[in-house]
Amino acid sequence: MATGQELRKSLLNAKKTERVIFAITPELKEAATAQAEDRCVSLSAYINSLIADDVVAHAVGASAAPVAAKEAR
């Protein structure tokens, strides 16, 4: 099974061929743009990173849950 870091790398380094369009408020766009600029990345890269981090957190959490349940017995 891939580690969280390996999964994150594969998600972020893969060729981007799909587009997702969604609506946000001007205030959220301004805040997200500021966060992206603070990290010296594009807004698109920042959003991709946030999504990848969430996917990894859930994947790692899901794989750890059966182990934790077994250890609790």
N, C-alpha and C. Protein backbone atom coordinates (compact mmCIF):
# COMPACT_ATOMS: atom_id res chain seq x y z
N MET A 1 0.84 -1.18 0.00
CA MET A 1 0.00 0.00 0.00
C MET A 1 0.89 1.24 0.00
N ALA A 2 0.51 2.23 -0.75
CA ALA A 2 1.29 3.45 -0.87
C ALA A 2 1.21 4.25 0.42
N THR A 3 2.31 4.89 0.76
CA THR A 3 2.29 5.77 1.92
C THR A 3 1.55 7.04 1.54
N GLY A 4 1.23 7.84 2.56
CA GLY A 4 0.56 9.11 2.31
C GLY A 4 1.37 10.00 1.40
N GLN A 5 2.69 10.02 1.61
CA GLN A 5 3.55 10.87 0.79
C GLN A 5 3.58 10.39 -0.65
N GLU A 6 3.63 9.08 -0.86
CA GLU A 6 3.63 8.54 -2.22
C GLU A 6 2.31 8.83 -2.93
N LEU A 7 1.19 8.70 -2.20
CA LEU A 7 -0.12 8.99 -2.77
C LEU A 7 -0.22 10.46 -3.14
N ARG A 8 0.25 11.33 -2.26
CA ARG A 8 0.20 12.78 -2.53
C ARG A 8 1.02 13.12 -3.77
N LYS A 9 2.21 12.54 -3.88
CA LYS A 9 3.06 12.77 -5.05
C LYS A 9 2.37 12.32 -6.33
N SER A 10 1.78 11.14 -6.30
CA SER A 10 1.13 10.63 -7.51
C SER A 10 -0.06 11.50 -7.90
N LEU A 11 -0.81 12.01 -6.92
CA LEU A 11 -1.94 12.87 -7.21
C LEU A 11 -1.50 14.20 -7.80
N LEU A 12 -0.45 14.78 -7.23
CA LEU A 12 -0.03 16.11 -7.66
C LEU A 12 0.87 16.10 -8.89
N ASN A 13 1.58 15.02 -9.13
CA ASN A 13 2.51 14.97 -10.26
C ASN A 13 1.90 14.41 -11.53
N ALA A 14 0.69 13.88 -11.45
CA ALA A 14 0.05 13.32 -12.63
C ALA A 14 -0.31 14.43 -13.61
N LYS A 15 -0.42 14.06 -14.87
CA LYS A 15 -0.79 15.03 -15.90
C LYS A 15 -2.23 15.49 -15.66
N LYS A 16 -2.40 16.80 -15.64
CA LYS A 16 -3.73 17.37 -15.42
C LYS A 16 -4.45 17.49 -16.76
N THR A 17 -5.52 16.70 -16.91
CA THR A 17 -6.27 16.71 -18.17
C THR A 17 -7.74 17.08 -17.97
N GLU A 18 -8.18 17.12 -16.73
CA GLU A 18 -9.59 17.39 -16.43
C GLU A 18 -9.76 18.78 -15.86
N ARG A 19 -10.92 19.36 -16.09
CA ARG A 19 -11.26 20.67 -15.52
C ARG A 19 -12.47 20.51 -14.63
N VAL A 20 -12.45 21.24 -13.53
CA VAL A 20 -13.59 21.31 -12.63
C VAL A 20 -13.91 22.78 -12.47
N ILE A 21 -15.15 23.12 -12.72
CA ILE A 21 -15.56 24.52 -12.61
C ILE A 21 -16.56 24.62 -11.46
N PHE A 22 -16.32 25.56 -10.57
CA PHE A 22 -17.22 25.77 -9.44
C PHE A 22 -17.28 27.25 -9.13
N ALA A 23 -18.31 27.63 -8.42
CA ALA A 23 -18.51 29.04 -8.08
C ALA A 23 -18.10 29.29 -6.63
N ILE A 24 -17.46 30.42 -6.39
CA ILE A 24 -17.11 30.83 -5.04
C ILE A 24 -17.42 32.32 -4.89
N THR A 25 -17.45 32.75 -3.68
CA THR A 25 -17.71 34.17 -3.43
C THR A 25 -16.44 34.97 -3.74
N PRO A 26 -16.59 36.23 -4.03
CA PRO A 26 -15.40 37.07 -4.26
C PRO A 26 -14.47 37.08 -3.04
N GLU A 27 -15.06 37.05 -1.85
CA GLU A 27 -14.25 37.06 -0.62
C GLU A 27 -13.41 35.79 -0.48
N LEU A 28 -14.02 34.65 -0.81
CA LEU A 28 -13.27 33.39 -0.73
C LEU A 28 -12.17 33.35 -1.78
N LYS A 29 -12.46 33.86 -2.97
CA LYS A 29 -11.44 33.90 -4.02
C LYS A 29 -10.28 34.78 -3.58
N GLU A 30 -10.58 35.92 -2.99
CA GLU A 30 -9.54 36.83 -2.52
C GLU A 30 -8.69 36.17 -1.43
N ALA A 31 -9.35 35.50 -0.49
CA ALA A 31 -8.62 34.83 0.60
C ALA A 31 -7.76 33.69 0.07
N ALA A 32 -8.32 32.88 -0.83
CA ALA A 32 -7.56 31.76 -1.40
C ALA A 32 -6.39 32.25 -2.24
N THR A 33 -6.61 33.31 -2.99
CA THR A 33 -5.53 33.89 -3.80
C THR A 33 -4.40 34.39 -2.90
N ALA A 34 -4.75 35.03 -1.80
CA ALA A 34 -3.74 35.51 -0.86
C ALA A 34 -2.94 34.35 -0.27
N GLN A 35 -3.63 33.27 0.09
CA GLN A 35 -2.94 32.10 0.62
C GLN A 35 -1.99 31.50 -0.42
N ALA A 36 -2.45 31.41 -1.65
CA ALA A 36 -1.62 30.87 -2.73
C ALA A 36 -0.39 31.75 -2.94
N GLU A 37 -0.58 33.06 -2.95
CA GLU A 37 0.54 33.98 -3.13
C GLU A 37 1.54 33.86 -1.99
N ASP A 38 1.06 33.69 -0.76
CA ASP A 38 1.95 33.50 0.39
C ASP A 38 2.81 32.27 0.22
N ARG A 39 2.29 31.25 -0.48
CA ARG A 39 3.01 30.00 -0.70
C ARG A 39 3.76 29.99 -2.03
N CYS A 40 3.67 31.09 -2.75
CA CYS A 40 4.35 31.22 -4.06
C CYS A 40 3.91 30.15 -5.05
N VAL A 41 2.60 29.88 -5.07
CA VAL A 41 2.04 28.93 -6.02
C VAL A 41 0.83 29.57 -6.68
N SER A 42 0.40 29.00 -7.78
CA SER A 42 -0.80 29.49 -8.43
C SER A 42 -2.02 29.08 -7.61
N LEU A 43 -3.12 29.74 -7.86
CA LEU A 43 -4.36 29.39 -7.17
C LEU A 43 -4.76 27.95 -7.52
N SER A 44 -4.59 27.57 -8.76
CA SER A 44 -4.90 26.21 -9.18
C SER A 44 -4.05 25.19 -8.43
N ALA A 45 -2.76 25.45 -8.31
CA ALA A 45 -1.87 24.53 -7.59
C ALA A 45 -2.24 24.46 -6.11
N TYR A 46 -2.62 25.60 -5.54
CA TYR A 46 -3.03 25.64 -4.13
C TYR A 46 -4.28 24.79 -3.91
N ILE A 47 -5.27 24.95 -4.78
CA ILE A 47 -6.51 24.18 -4.65
C ILE A 47 -6.22 22.69 -4.83
N ASN A 48 -5.40 22.34 -5.83
CA ASN A 48 -5.03 20.93 -6.04
C ASN A 48 -4.35 20.35 -4.80
N SER A 49 -3.47 21.13 -4.19
CA SER A 49 -2.76 20.68 -3.00
C SER A 49 -3.72 20.44 -1.83
N LEU A 50 -4.68 21.35 -1.65
CA LEU A 50 -5.66 21.18 -0.58
C LEU A 50 -6.47 19.90 -0.77
N ILE A 51 -6.90 19.67 -2.01
CA ILE A 51 -7.69 18.47 -2.30
C ILE A 51 -6.85 17.22 -2.10
N ALA A 52 -5.62 17.23 -2.59
CA ALA A 52 -4.73 16.07 -2.44
C ALA A 52 -4.48 15.78 -0.96
N ASP A 53 -4.26 16.81 -0.16
CA ASP A 53 -4.05 16.62 1.27
C ASP A 53 -5.26 15.96 1.93
N ASP A 54 -6.46 16.38 1.52
CA ASP A 54 -7.68 15.81 2.08
C ASP A 54 -7.84 14.34 1.66
N VAL A 55 -7.57 14.04 0.40
CA VAL A 55 -7.64 12.66 -0.09
C VAL A 55 -6.67 11.78 0.68
N VAL A 56 -5.43 12.26 0.86
CA VAL A 56 -4.42 11.49 1.58
C VAL A 56 -4.85 11.28 3.04
N ALA A 57 -5.34 12.33 3.68
CA ALA A 57 -5.77 12.21 5.08
C ALA A 57 -6.86 11.15 5.23
N HIS A 58 -7.80 11.13 4.31
CA HIS A 58 -8.87 10.14 4.39
C HIS A 58 -8.36 8.74 4.03
N ALA A 59 -7.46 8.64 3.08
CA ALA A 59 -6.91 7.34 2.70
C ALA A 59 -6.08 6.75 3.82
N VAL A 60 -5.24 7.57 4.42
CA VAL A 60 -4.39 7.10 5.52
C VAL A 60 -5.26 6.79 6.74
N GLY A 61 -6.24 7.65 7.01
CA GLY A 61 -7.14 7.41 8.13
C GLY A 61 -7.95 6.15 7.94
N ALA A 62 -8.40 5.90 6.72
CA ALA A 62 -9.20 4.71 6.43
C ALA A 62 -8.36 3.44 6.57
N SER A 63 -7.10 3.50 6.16
CA SER A 63 -6.25 2.31 6.27
C SER A 63 -5.81 2.09 7.71
N ALA A 64 -5.76 3.15 8.51
CA ALA A 64 -5.35 3.00 9.90
C ALA A 64 -6.52 2.59 10.79
N ALA A 65 -7.74 2.86 10.37
CA ALA A 65 -8.92 2.57 11.20
C ALA A 65 -9.05 1.08 11.55
N PRO A 66 -8.91 0.16 10.59
CA PRO A 66 -9.02 -1.26 10.96
C PRO A 66 -7.93 -1.70 11.93
N VAL A 67 -6.73 -1.16 11.78
CA VAL A 67 -5.64 -1.49 12.68
C VAL A 67 -5.95 -0.98 14.08
N ALA A 68 -6.44 0.26 14.18
CA ALA A 68 -6.75 0.84 15.48
C ALA A 68 -7.89 0.06 16.15
N ALA A 69 -8.88 -0.35 15.37
CA ALA A 69 -9.99 -1.11 15.94
C ALA A 69 -9.51 -2.46 16.45
N LYS A 70 -8.60 -3.10 15.71
CA LYS A 70 -8.07 -4.39 16.13
C LYS A 70 -7.23 -4.26 17.39
N GLU A 71 -6.44 -3.17 17.48
CA GLU A 71 -5.61 -2.94 18.65
C GLU A 71 -6.45 -2.61 19.89
N ALA A 72 -7.62 -2.04 19.69
CA ALA A 72 -8.48 -1.66 20.81
C ALA A 72 -9.11 -2.87 21.48
N ARG A 73 -9.14 -4.00 20.79
CA ARG A 73 -9.76 -5.21 21.35
C ARG A 73 -8.95 -5.78 22.48
